[in-house]
N, C-alpha and C. Protein backbone atom coordinates (compact mmCIF):
# COMPACT_ATOMS: atom_id res chain seq x y z
N UNK A 1 0.84 -1.17 0.00
CA UNK A 1 0.00 0.00 0.00
C UNK A 1 0.89 1.24 0.00
N UNK A 2 0.46 2.21 -0.74
CA UNK A 2 1.24 3.43 -0.89
C UNK A 2 0.89 4.42 0.21
N UNK A 3 1.89 5.04 0.75
CA UNK A 3 1.69 6.01 1.83
C UNK A 3 1.42 7.38 1.23
N UNK A 4 0.35 8.06 1.71
CA UNK A 4 0.01 9.38 1.19
C UNK A 4 0.63 10.45 2.08
N UNK A 5 1.10 11.48 1.47
CA UNK A 5 1.64 12.61 2.23
C UNK A 5 0.68 13.77 2.13
N UNK A 6 0.68 14.59 3.15
CA UNK A 6 -0.25 15.73 3.19
C UNK A 6 0.13 16.78 2.16
N UNK A 7 1.42 16.99 1.95
CA UNK A 7 1.85 18.02 1.02
C UNK A 7 3.12 17.55 0.33
N UNK A 8 3.13 17.65 -0.95
CA UNK A 8 4.32 17.27 -1.70
C UNK A 8 5.17 18.51 -1.91
N UNK A 9 6.38 18.49 -1.46
CA UNK A 9 7.30 19.60 -1.66
C UNK A 9 8.58 19.07 -2.28
N UNK A 10 9.14 19.88 -3.09
CA UNK A 10 10.42 19.50 -3.67
C UNK A 10 11.52 19.86 -2.70
N UNK A 11 12.68 19.31 -2.94
CA UNK A 11 13.81 19.58 -2.06
C UNK A 11 14.19 21.06 -2.08
N UNK A 12 14.13 21.69 -3.25
CA UNK A 12 14.46 23.11 -3.37
C UNK A 12 13.50 24.00 -2.58
N UNK A 13 12.22 23.66 -2.63
CA UNK A 13 11.23 24.43 -1.87
C UNK A 13 11.46 24.29 -0.37
N UNK A 14 11.75 23.10 0.07
CA UNK A 14 12.02 22.87 1.49
C UNK A 14 13.22 23.70 1.96
N UNK A 15 14.26 23.70 1.17
CA UNK A 15 15.44 24.49 1.53
C UNK A 15 15.13 25.99 1.56
N UNK A 16 14.33 26.43 0.61
CA UNK A 16 13.95 27.85 0.57
C UNK A 16 13.20 28.24 1.84
N UNK A 17 12.20 27.44 2.23
CA UNK A 17 11.43 27.76 3.43
C UNK A 17 12.29 27.67 4.69
N UNK A 18 13.17 26.69 4.76
CA UNK A 18 14.05 26.56 5.92
C UNK A 18 14.99 27.76 6.01
N UNK A 19 15.54 28.17 4.87
CA UNK A 19 16.42 29.34 4.86
C UNK A 19 15.68 30.61 5.23
N UNK A 20 14.45 30.74 4.76
CA UNK A 20 13.65 31.93 5.11
C UNK A 20 13.38 31.99 6.61
N UNK A 21 13.01 30.86 7.19
CA UNK A 21 12.74 30.83 8.63
C UNK A 21 14.00 31.12 9.44
N UNK A 22 15.12 30.58 9.01
CA UNK A 22 16.36 30.82 9.75
C UNK A 22 16.78 32.28 9.66
N UNK A 23 16.68 32.88 8.48
CA UNK A 23 17.09 34.28 8.35
C UNK A 23 16.15 35.19 9.13
N UNK A 24 14.86 34.88 9.15
CA UNK A 24 13.92 35.68 9.95
C UNK A 24 14.24 35.55 11.43
N UNK A 25 14.58 34.33 11.85
CA UNK A 25 14.94 34.13 13.26
C UNK A 25 16.19 34.89 13.65
N UNK A 26 17.18 34.90 12.78
CA UNK A 26 18.42 35.64 13.06
C UNK A 26 18.14 37.14 13.11
N UNK A 27 17.30 37.63 12.20
CA UNK A 27 16.98 39.07 12.19
C UNK A 27 16.24 39.47 13.46
N UNK A 28 15.28 38.67 13.88
CA UNK A 28 14.53 38.98 15.10
C UNK A 28 15.45 38.91 16.31
N UNK A 29 16.29 37.89 16.38
CA UNK A 29 17.23 37.78 17.50
C UNK A 29 18.17 38.97 17.54
N UNK A 30 18.60 39.44 16.37
CA UNK A 30 19.49 40.61 16.33
C UNK A 30 18.81 41.85 16.86
N UNK A 31 17.53 42.01 16.57
CA UNK A 31 16.81 43.18 17.09
C UNK A 31 16.55 43.08 18.58
N UNK A 32 16.18 41.89 19.03
CA UNK A 32 15.83 41.71 20.44
C UNK A 32 17.06 41.74 21.33
N UNK A 33 18.14 41.15 20.90
CA UNK A 33 19.32 41.02 21.75
C UNK A 33 20.29 42.19 21.63
N UNK A 34 19.99 43.17 20.80
CA UNK A 34 20.88 44.33 20.67
C UNK A 34 20.80 45.16 21.94
N UNK A 35 21.91 45.47 22.57
CA UNK A 35 21.85 46.28 23.79
C UNK A 35 21.41 47.70 23.46
N UNK A 36 20.71 48.29 24.41
CA UNK A 36 20.25 49.67 24.22
C UNK A 36 21.44 50.62 24.24
N UNK A 37 21.35 51.67 23.46
CA UNK A 37 22.41 52.67 23.41
C UNK A 37 22.16 53.68 24.51
N UNK A 38 23.10 53.85 25.39
CA UNK A 38 22.93 54.78 26.51
C UNK A 38 23.42 56.16 26.11
N UNK A 39 22.67 57.16 26.52
CA UNK A 39 23.09 58.54 26.30
C UNK A 39 23.81 59.00 27.57
N UNK A 40 25.10 59.20 27.47
CA UNK A 40 25.90 59.55 28.64
C UNK A 40 25.50 60.90 29.21
N UNK A 41 25.10 61.83 28.35
CA UNK A 41 24.76 63.16 28.82
C UNK A 41 23.29 63.32 29.14
N UNK A 42 22.47 62.33 28.88
CA UNK A 42 21.04 62.43 29.12
C UNK A 42 20.37 63.26 28.04
N UNK A 43 19.05 63.30 28.11
CA UNK A 43 18.30 64.13 27.18
C UNK A 43 17.17 64.80 27.94
N UNK A 44 16.59 65.83 27.34
CA UNK A 44 15.45 66.52 27.93
C UNK A 44 14.50 66.94 26.82
N UNK A 45 13.20 66.81 27.07
CA UNK A 45 12.19 67.26 26.13
C UNK A 45 11.20 68.13 26.89
N UNK A 46 10.91 69.28 26.32
CA UNK A 46 9.97 70.18 26.99
C UNK A 46 10.11 71.59 26.48
N UNK A 47 9.54 72.54 27.14
CA UNK A 47 8.82 72.41 28.41
C UNK A 47 7.37 71.99 28.20
N UNK A 48 6.85 71.30 29.20
CA UNK A 48 5.45 70.91 29.26
C UNK A 48 4.81 71.66 30.43
N UNK A 49 3.49 71.71 30.44
CA UNK A 49 2.76 72.31 31.56
C UNK A 49 1.73 71.32 32.05
N UNK A 50 1.68 71.12 33.36
CA UNK A 50 0.65 70.30 33.98
C UNK A 50 -0.12 71.18 34.95
N UNK A 51 -1.45 71.09 34.93
CA UNK A 51 -2.30 71.85 35.84
C UNK A 51 -3.32 70.91 36.49
N UNK A 52 -3.85 71.29 37.67
CA UNK A 52 -4.87 70.46 38.31
C UNK A 52 -6.04 70.22 37.35
N UNK A 53 -6.56 69.02 37.37
CA UNK A 53 -7.63 68.64 36.47
C UNK A 53 -7.11 67.81 35.30
N UNK A 54 -5.81 67.92 35.01
CA UNK A 54 -5.22 67.09 33.97
C UNK A 54 -4.84 65.74 34.57
N UNK A 55 -4.68 64.76 33.72
CA UNK A 55 -4.32 63.43 34.16
C UNK A 55 -2.92 63.43 34.77
N UNK A 56 -2.77 63.03 36.03
CA UNK A 56 -1.43 63.00 36.64
C UNK A 56 -0.48 62.03 35.94
N UNK A 57 -1.02 61.00 35.31
CA UNK A 57 -0.16 60.03 34.62
C UNK A 57 0.49 60.62 33.38
N UNK A 58 0.00 61.78 32.91
CA UNK A 58 0.63 62.39 31.74
C UNK A 58 2.01 62.93 32.06
N UNK A 59 2.29 63.16 33.33
CA UNK A 59 3.62 63.62 33.75
C UNK A 59 4.56 62.43 33.84
N UNK A 60 4.20 61.45 34.62
CA UNK A 60 5.05 60.28 34.79
C UNK A 60 4.22 59.17 35.42
N UNK A 61 4.16 58.04 34.77
CA UNK A 61 3.38 56.93 35.30
C UNK A 61 4.17 56.10 36.29
N UNK A 62 5.47 56.03 36.12
CA UNK A 62 6.29 55.16 36.96
C UNK A 62 6.72 55.87 38.24
N UNK A 63 7.31 57.04 38.10
CA UNK A 63 7.80 57.81 39.25
C UNK A 63 7.08 59.15 39.29
N UNK A 64 5.95 59.25 40.00
CA UNK A 64 5.25 60.53 40.03
C UNK A 64 6.09 61.59 40.74
N UNK A 65 6.03 62.83 40.26
CA UNK A 65 6.83 63.88 40.88
C UNK A 65 6.34 64.23 42.28
N UNK A 66 7.26 64.70 43.08
CA UNK A 66 6.95 65.13 44.44
C UNK A 66 6.76 66.64 44.41
N UNK A 67 5.52 67.08 44.07
CA UNK A 67 5.22 68.50 44.01
C UNK A 67 3.80 68.76 44.50
N UNK A 68 3.42 70.00 44.62
CA UNK A 68 2.07 70.38 45.04
C UNK A 68 1.11 70.14 43.88
N UNK A 69 0.20 69.20 44.02
CA UNK A 69 -0.72 68.82 42.95
C UNK A 69 -1.90 69.79 42.84
N UNK A 70 -1.89 70.88 43.61
CA UNK A 70 -2.98 71.86 43.58
C UNK A 70 -2.65 73.10 42.75
N UNK A 71 -1.45 73.17 42.18
CA UNK A 71 -1.05 74.32 41.37
C UNK A 71 -0.45 73.83 40.05
N UNK A 72 -0.35 74.73 39.07
CA UNK A 72 0.23 74.39 37.76
C UNK A 72 1.76 74.32 37.86
N UNK A 73 2.34 73.47 37.04
CA UNK A 73 3.80 73.30 37.02
C UNK A 73 4.29 73.27 35.58
N UNK A 74 5.45 73.87 35.33
CA UNK A 74 6.16 73.75 34.07
C UNK A 74 7.30 72.78 34.31
N UNK A 75 7.44 71.79 33.42
CA UNK A 75 8.44 70.75 33.67
C UNK A 75 9.02 70.25 32.35
N UNK A 76 10.12 69.53 32.49
CA UNK A 76 10.82 68.88 31.38
C UNK A 76 10.86 67.39 31.66
N UNK A 77 10.71 66.58 30.64
CA UNK A 77 10.90 65.14 30.75
C UNK A 77 12.38 64.86 30.49
N UNK A 78 13.05 64.23 31.45
CA UNK A 78 14.50 64.03 31.36
C UNK A 78 14.85 62.55 31.52
N UNK A 79 16.07 62.21 31.16
CA UNK A 79 16.56 60.83 31.33
C UNK A 79 17.75 60.83 32.27
N UNK A 80 18.17 59.64 32.61
CA UNK A 80 19.39 59.49 33.39
C UNK A 80 19.29 59.93 34.83
N UNK A 81 18.08 59.98 35.39
CA UNK A 81 17.93 60.38 36.78
C UNK A 81 18.28 61.83 37.05
N UNK A 82 18.15 62.71 36.04
CA UNK A 82 18.52 64.11 36.19
C UNK A 82 17.41 64.98 36.76
N UNK A 83 16.26 64.39 37.09
CA UNK A 83 15.14 65.17 37.58
C UNK A 83 15.36 65.74 38.97
N UNK A 84 14.62 66.82 39.28
CA UNK A 84 14.71 67.41 40.62
C UNK A 84 13.47 67.14 41.46
N UNK A 85 12.36 66.68 40.85
CA UNK A 85 11.17 66.32 41.62
C UNK A 85 10.82 64.84 41.45
N UNK A 86 11.42 64.20 40.50
CA UNK A 86 11.33 62.75 40.25
C UNK A 86 12.52 62.40 39.37
N UNK A 87 12.92 61.13 39.32
CA UNK A 87 14.09 60.78 38.51
C UNK A 87 13.97 61.18 37.04
N UNK A 88 12.75 61.25 36.52
CA UNK A 88 12.58 61.56 35.10
C UNK A 88 11.82 62.86 34.86
N UNK A 89 11.68 63.71 35.88
CA UNK A 89 10.96 64.98 35.74
C UNK A 89 11.79 66.11 36.35
N UNK A 90 12.06 67.15 35.55
CA UNK A 90 12.75 68.35 36.01
C UNK A 90 11.75 69.49 36.02
N UNK A 91 11.47 70.04 37.20
CA UNK A 91 10.52 71.14 37.29
C UNK A 91 11.25 72.46 37.08
N UNK A 92 10.72 73.29 36.19
CA UNK A 92 11.29 74.60 35.93
C UNK A 92 11.07 75.03 34.50
N UNK A 93 11.25 76.32 34.27
CA UNK A 93 11.08 76.88 32.92
C UNK A 93 12.21 76.45 31.99
N UNK A 94 13.40 76.27 32.54
CA UNK A 94 14.59 75.92 31.75
C UNK A 94 14.99 74.48 32.00
N UNK A 95 15.60 73.81 31.01
CA UNK A 95 16.04 72.43 31.22
C UNK A 95 17.21 72.37 32.20
N UNK A 96 17.48 71.19 32.73
CA UNK A 96 18.58 71.07 33.68
C UNK A 96 19.92 71.39 33.03
N UNK A 97 20.85 71.93 33.81
CA UNK A 97 22.18 72.21 33.27
C UNK A 97 22.92 70.90 33.00
N UNK A 98 23.88 70.96 32.12
CA UNK A 98 24.70 69.79 31.84
C UNK A 98 24.23 68.95 30.68
N UNK A 99 23.03 69.19 30.17
CA UNK A 99 22.56 68.45 29.00
C UNK A 99 22.94 69.24 27.76
N UNK A 100 23.68 68.65 26.82
CA UNK A 100 24.09 69.40 25.63
C UNK A 100 22.89 69.80 24.77
N UNK A 101 23.06 70.87 24.02
CA UNK A 101 22.00 71.39 23.15
C UNK A 101 21.49 70.32 22.19
N UNK A 102 22.36 69.47 21.72
CA UNK A 102 21.97 68.42 20.76
C UNK A 102 20.96 67.44 21.37
N UNK A 103 20.91 67.33 22.69
CA UNK A 103 20.01 66.39 23.35
C UNK A 103 18.75 67.05 23.89
N UNK A 104 18.51 68.32 23.54
CA UNK A 104 17.28 69.00 23.95
C UNK A 104 16.30 68.97 22.78
N UNK A 105 15.03 68.70 23.06
CA UNK A 105 14.04 68.73 21.98
C UNK A 105 12.74 69.35 22.47
N UNK A 106 12.02 69.93 21.51
CA UNK A 106 10.75 70.60 21.80
C UNK A 106 9.60 69.64 21.52
N UNK A 107 8.53 69.71 22.32
CA UNK A 107 7.35 68.91 22.00
C UNK A 107 6.56 69.56 20.87
N UNK A 108 5.73 68.79 20.21
CA UNK A 108 4.85 69.34 19.18
C UNK A 108 3.78 70.22 19.84
N UNK A 109 3.42 71.32 19.17
CA UNK A 109 2.46 72.27 19.72
C UNK A 109 1.32 72.48 18.74
N UNK A 110 0.09 72.55 19.25
CA UNK A 110 -1.11 72.82 18.46
C UNK A 110 -1.22 71.88 17.26
N UNK A 111 -1.14 70.60 17.52
CA UNK A 111 -1.28 69.63 16.44
C UNK A 111 -2.75 69.30 16.25
N UNK A 112 -3.25 69.60 15.06
CA UNK A 112 -4.61 69.24 14.71
C UNK A 112 -4.62 67.90 14.02
N UNK A 113 -5.67 67.65 13.27
CA UNK A 113 -5.79 66.37 12.59
C UNK A 113 -4.75 66.22 11.48
N UNK A 114 -4.48 67.31 10.74
CA UNK A 114 -3.57 67.21 9.61
C UNK A 114 -2.42 68.21 9.66
N UNK A 115 -2.34 69.05 10.66
CA UNK A 115 -1.36 70.14 10.64
C UNK A 115 -0.84 70.39 12.05
N UNK A 116 0.46 70.58 12.16
CA UNK A 116 1.08 70.98 13.42
C UNK A 116 1.64 72.39 13.25
N UNK A 117 1.22 73.29 14.12
CA UNK A 117 1.76 74.65 14.07
C UNK A 117 3.26 74.62 14.33
N UNK A 118 3.67 73.80 15.29
CA UNK A 118 5.09 73.59 15.58
C UNK A 118 5.27 72.09 15.77
N UNK A 119 5.87 71.38 14.83
CA UNK A 119 5.98 69.93 14.94
C UNK A 119 6.99 69.46 15.98
N UNK A 120 7.66 70.38 16.65
CA UNK A 120 8.65 69.99 17.64
C UNK A 120 9.97 69.65 16.98
N UNK A 121 10.85 69.04 17.74
CA UNK A 121 12.15 68.66 17.20
C UNK A 121 13.27 69.27 18.01
N UNK A 122 14.49 69.21 17.51
CA UNK A 122 15.63 69.71 18.27
C UNK A 122 15.63 71.23 18.36
N UNK A 123 16.18 71.71 19.47
CA UNK A 123 16.37 73.15 19.63
C UNK A 123 17.55 73.59 18.78
N UNK A 124 17.45 74.76 18.16
CA UNK A 124 18.58 75.32 17.42
C UNK A 124 19.31 76.36 18.25
N UNK A 125 18.62 76.92 19.23
CA UNK A 125 19.21 77.90 20.15
C UNK A 125 18.97 77.37 21.56
N UNK A 126 19.98 77.41 22.40
CA UNK A 126 19.86 76.91 23.76
C UNK A 126 18.90 77.79 24.55
N UNK A 127 17.79 77.22 25.08
CA UNK A 127 16.83 78.02 25.83
C UNK A 127 17.36 78.50 27.18
N UNK A 128 18.49 77.93 27.63
CA UNK A 128 19.06 78.34 28.92
C UNK A 128 19.87 79.61 28.81
N UNK A 129 20.21 80.03 27.58
CA UNK A 129 21.00 81.25 27.39
C UNK A 129 20.04 82.40 27.10
N UNK A 130 20.05 83.45 27.93
CA UNK A 130 19.12 84.56 27.70
C UNK A 130 19.41 85.28 26.39
N UNK A 131 18.34 85.70 25.72
CA UNK A 131 18.51 86.45 24.47
C UNK A 131 18.74 87.91 24.79
N UNK A 132 19.61 88.58 24.03
CA UNK A 132 19.93 89.98 24.34
C UNK A 132 18.79 90.92 23.97
């Protein structure tokens, strides 16, 4: 009696599928196992404003800031534990000192459905230096 197989594949097709699966596995492993790139100088994005009535989680979900929740605050989102009210939150009009200009970025402002008045991005002038 002849044995039936569910699917007939040629040797070339089998090798193609095996090679495809292996290369996909290597690509995924490369993405997953790549170590994160650390920014030695940290980064800051802002300024943002939080006022009572807004969602407190919009400031920081993991480490909430230690501030008066009954008044408005201007703050920057920072990395590397550079915050002054939480490890990732710097309260103030200006970003923390020591972060290079290249690592400062502005948030998007007045973004509608199809248009942003200011799409955000890197600062071209350091906001910590007063203008004459």
